[in-house]
C-alpha atoms as a PDB file:
ATOM      1  CA  GLN A   1    -105.215 -65.746  30.796  1.00  0.00           C
ATOM      2  CA  VAL A   2    -102.557 -62.986  31.819  1.00  0.00           C
ATOM      3  CA  GLN A   3     -98.940 -64.479  32.983  1.00  0.00           C
ATOM      4  CA  LEU A   4     -95.711 -62.464  33.923  1.00  0.00           C
ATOM      5  CA  VAL A   5     -92.909 -64.705  33.838  1.00  0.00           C
ATOM      6  CA  GLU A   6     -89.696 -63.668  35.277  1.00  0.00           C
ATOM      7  CA  SER A   7     -86.091 -65.220  34.741  1.00  0.00           C
ATOM      8  CA  GLY A   8     -82.400 -64.014  35.660  1.00  0.00           C
ATOM      9  CA  GLY A   9     -82.717 -63.549  39.410  1.00  0.00           C
ATOM     10  CA  GLY A  10     -79.875 -65.579  41.721  1.00  0.00           C
ATOM     11  CA  LEU A  11     -76.675 -64.517  43.661  1.00  0.00           C
ATOM     12  CA  ALA A  12     -74.231 -61.737  42.666  1.00  0.00           C
ATOM     13  CA  GLN A  13     -71.395 -60.381  44.757  1.00  0.00           C
ATOM     14  CA  PRO A  14     -71.312 -56.469  45.157  1.00  0.00           C
ATOM     15  CA  GLY A  15     -70.069 -54.366  42.362  1.00  0.00           C
ATOM     16  CA  GLY A  16     -71.870 -57.748  40.311  1.00  0.00           C
ATOM     17  CA  SER A  17     -74.270 -57.269  37.442  1.00  0.00           C
ATOM     18  CA  LEU A  18     -77.481 -59.404  36.632  1.00  0.00           C
ATOM     19  CA  ARG A  19     -79.996 -58.993  34.261  1.00  0.00           C
ATOM     20  CA  LEU A  20     -83.784 -59.672  34.962  1.00  0.00           C
ATOM     21  CA  SER A  21     -86.259 -60.700  32.142  1.00  0.00           C
ATOM     22  CA  CYS A  22     -90.430 -60.799  32.388  1.00  0.00           C
ATOM     23  CA  ALA A  23     -92.138 -62.278  29.419  1.00  0.00           C
ATOM     24  CA  ALA A  24     -95.555 -61.325  29.191  1.00  0.00           C
ATOM     25  CA  SER A  25     -98.658 -62.962  27.467  1.00  0.00           C
ATOM     26  CA  GLY A  26    -102.145 -62.419  27.627  1.00  0.00           C
ATOM     27  CA  ILE A  27    -102.049 -58.618  27.452  1.00  0.00           C
ATOM     28  CA  ILE A  28    -101.716 -56.152  24.482  1.00  0.00           C
ATOM     29  CA  PHE A  29     -98.334 -55.745  25.604  1.00  0.00           C
ATOM     30  CA  SER A  30     -97.374 -52.637  23.451  1.00  0.00           C
ATOM     31  CA  ILE A  31     -99.942 -50.617  25.303  1.00  0.00           C
ATOM     32  CA  TYR A  32     -98.838 -51.307  28.726  1.00  0.00           C
ATOM     33  CA  THR A  33     -96.654 -49.218  31.223  1.00  0.00           C
ATOM     34  CA  MET A  34     -94.314 -52.008  32.335  1.00  0.00           C
ATOM     35  CA  GLY A  35     -92.465 -51.940  35.887  1.00  0.00           C
ATOM     36  CA  TRP A  36     -89.871 -53.468  38.289  1.00  0.00           C
ATOM     37  CA  TYR A  37     -90.894 -53.460  42.310  1.00  0.00           C
ATOM     38  CA  ARG A  38     -88.825 -54.801  44.807  1.00  0.00           C
ATOM     39  CA  GLN A  39     -89.728 -56.125  48.360  1.00  0.00           C
ATOM     40  CA  ALA A  40     -87.067 -56.730  51.320  1.00  0.00           C
ATOM     41  CA  PRO A  41     -87.470 -58.307  54.419  1.00  0.00           C
ATOM     42  CA  GLY A  42     -89.585 -55.779  56.954  1.00  0.00           C
ATOM     43  CA  LYS A  43     -89.885 -53.496  54.171  1.00  0.00           C
ATOM     44  CA  GLN A  44     -92.860 -52.178  52.055  1.00  0.00           C
ATOM     45  CA  ARG A  45     -92.818 -53.063  48.228  1.00  0.00           C
ATOM     46  CA  GLU A  46     -91.355 -50.495  46.244  1.00  0.00           C
ATOM     47  CA  LEU A  47     -91.135 -49.259  42.775  1.00  0.00           C
ATOM     48  CA  VAL A  48     -87.525 -49.767  41.219  1.00  0.00           C
ATOM     49  CA  ALA A  49     -88.118 -48.685  37.663  1.00  0.00           C
ATOM     50  CA  ALA A  50     -90.877 -48.125  35.050  1.00  0.00           C
ATOM     51  CA  ILE A  51     -91.166 -47.867  31.320  1.00  0.00           C
ATOM     52  CA  THR A  52     -94.048 -46.208  29.257  1.00  0.00           C
ATOM     53  CA  SER A  53     -95.675 -47.875  26.150  1.00  0.00           C
ATOM     54  CA  GLY A  54     -93.873 -45.153  24.354  1.00  0.00           C
ATOM     55  CA  GLY A  55     -90.244 -46.411  25.861  1.00  0.00           C
ATOM     56  CA  SER A  56     -90.034 -43.190  28.429  1.00  0.00           C
ATOM     57  CA  PRO A  57     -88.090 -44.606  31.561  1.00  0.00           C
ATOM     58  CA  ASN A  58     -88.146 -43.480  35.234  1.00  0.00           C
ATOM     59  CA  TYR A  59     -86.475 -44.531  38.199  1.00  0.00           C
ATOM     60  CA  ALA A  60     -86.116 -44.883  42.014  1.00  0.00           C
ATOM     61  CA  ASN A  61     -83.481 -42.305  43.596  1.00  0.00           C
ATOM     62  CA  SER A  62     -81.508 -45.692  45.083  1.00  0.00           C
ATOM     63  CA  VAL A  63     -80.856 -47.341  41.471  1.00  0.00           C
ATOM     64  CA  LYS A  64     -80.319 -43.901  39.060  1.00  0.00           C
ATOM     65  CA  GLY A  65     -77.040 -44.696  37.390  1.00  0.00           C
ATOM     66  CA  ARG A  66     -76.971 -48.346  38.227  1.00  0.00           C
ATOM     67  CA  PHE A  67     -80.406 -49.705  36.633  1.00  0.00           C
ATOM     68  CA  THR A  68     -81.491 -49.500  33.086  1.00  0.00           C
ATOM     69  CA  ILE A  69     -85.139 -50.573  31.967  1.00  0.00           C
ATOM     70  CA  SER A  70     -85.916 -51.259  28.709  1.00  0.00           C
ATOM     71  CA  ARG A  71     -88.229 -53.212  26.467  1.00  0.00           C
ATOM     72  CA  ASP A  72     -88.870 -55.570  23.515  1.00  0.00           C
ATOM     73  CA  ASN A  73     -92.433 -55.125  22.229  1.00  0.00           C
ATOM     74  CA  ALA A  74     -91.682 -57.876  19.482  1.00  0.00           C
ATOM     75  CA  LYS A  75     -91.028 -60.454  22.157  1.00  0.00           C
ATOM     76  CA  ASN A  76     -93.511 -58.787  24.787  1.00  0.00           C
ATOM     77  CA  THR A  77     -90.835 -58.596  27.539  1.00  0.00           C
ATOM     78  CA  VAL A  78     -89.405 -56.001  29.643  1.00  0.00           C
ATOM     79  CA  TYR A  79     -85.810 -56.153  31.351  1.00  0.00           C
ATOM     80  CA  LEU A  80     -84.039 -54.850  34.030  1.00  0.00           C
ATOM     81  CA  GLN A  81     -80.256 -54.612  33.805  1.00  0.00           C
ATOM     82  CA  MET A  82     -78.851 -54.304  37.079  1.00  0.00           C
ATOM     83  CA  ASN A  83     -75.022 -53.043  37.394  1.00  0.00           C
ATOM     84  CA  SER A  84     -72.791 -51.864  40.522  1.00  0.00           C
ATOM     85  CA  LEU A  85     -74.992 -54.263  42.866  1.00  0.00           C
ATOM     86  CA  LYS A  86     -75.237 -53.592  46.346  1.00  0.00           C
ATOM     87  CA  PRO A  87     -75.955 -55.613  49.152  1.00  0.00           C
ATOM     88  CA  GLU A  88     -79.134 -53.245  49.784  1.00  0.00           C
ATOM     89  CA  ASP A  89     -80.346 -54.442  46.351  1.00  0.00           C
ATOM     90  CA  THR A  90     -80.809 -57.899  48.133  1.00  0.00           C
ATOM     91  CA  ALA A  91     -84.991 -58.414  47.733  1.00  0.00           C
ATOM     92  CA  VAL A  92     -87.600 -60.121  45.798  1.00  0.00           C
ATOM     93  CA  TYR A  93     -88.176 -58.546  42.502  1.00  0.00           C
ATOM     94  CA  TYR A  94     -91.718 -58.372  40.891  1.00  0.00           C
ATOM     95  CA  CYS A  95     -92.475 -57.488  37.372  1.00  0.00           C
ATOM     96  CA  ASN A  96     -95.866 -55.511  36.740  1.00  0.00           C
ATOM     97  CA  ALA A  97     -98.037 -54.339  33.849  1.00  0.00           C
ATOM     98  CA  ASP A  98    -100.247 -51.523  34.221  1.00  0.00           C
ATOM     99  CA  ARG A  99    -103.232 -50.083  31.978  1.00  0.00           C
ATOM    100  CA  GLN A 100    -103.348 -47.307  33.888  1.00  0.00           C
ATOM    101  CA  ILE A 101    -106.743 -46.282  33.105  1.00  0.00           C
ATOM    102  CA  VAL A 102    -109.606 -45.602  35.674  1.00  0.00           C
ATOM    103  CA  GLY A 103    -110.846 -49.564  36.586  1.00  0.00           C
ATOM    104  CA  GLY A 104    -108.106 -51.083  34.906  1.00  0.00           C
ATOM    105  CA  PHE A 105    -106.048 -54.041  36.181  1.00  0.00           C
ATOM    106  CA  LYS A 106    -102.612 -54.233  37.390  1.00  0.00           C
ATOM    107  CA  TYR A 107    -101.044 -57.646  36.920  1.00  0.00           C
ATOM    108  CA  TRP A 108     -98.165 -58.952  38.919  1.00  0.00           C
ATOM    109  CA  GLY A 109     -95.317 -61.544  38.349  1.00  0.00           C
ATOM    110  CA  GLN A 110     -94.697 -64.593  40.766  1.00  0.00           C
ATOM    111  CA  GLY A 111     -91.349 -62.581  41.920  1.00  0.00           C
ATOM    112  CA  THR A 112     -87.668 -63.686  41.878  1.00  0.00           C
ATOM    113  CA  GLN A 113     -85.134 -63.648  44.398  1.00  0.00           C
ATOM    114  CA  VAL A 114     -81.970 -61.335  43.965  1.00  0.00           C
ATOM    115  CA  THR A 115     -79.376 -61.661  46.408  1.00  0.00           C
ATOM    116  CA  VAL A 116     -76.191 -59.670  46.633  1.00  0.00           C
ATOM    117  CA  SER A 117     -73.466 -61.083  49.183  1.00  0.00           C
ATOM    118  CA  SER A 118     -69.646 -61.681  49.403  1.00  0.00           C
END
């Protein structure tokens, strides 16, 4: 059974930092592209950052220079380091695993709340 288990969410002040973790099981982790998505009330779910099986990252323009995605294949874990947080970063954050082949499945974590407020 595939499971993506997230941790590290919570409350931060503007300008503060949080580090999200997502531990995967039930997949061959090293061959999957991993991503972080977020969804705020009244908005569509959006891609925040993704990292390929080879370790190449890409980011949404809104988080470039502030967030860093990384992966540790030995631990089957992907991370999202979030610095210089802004109130508009407040959302539910979801971990995603994507094989990116025709007919392949996308897997999702349960979501974790990130709130940025003074």
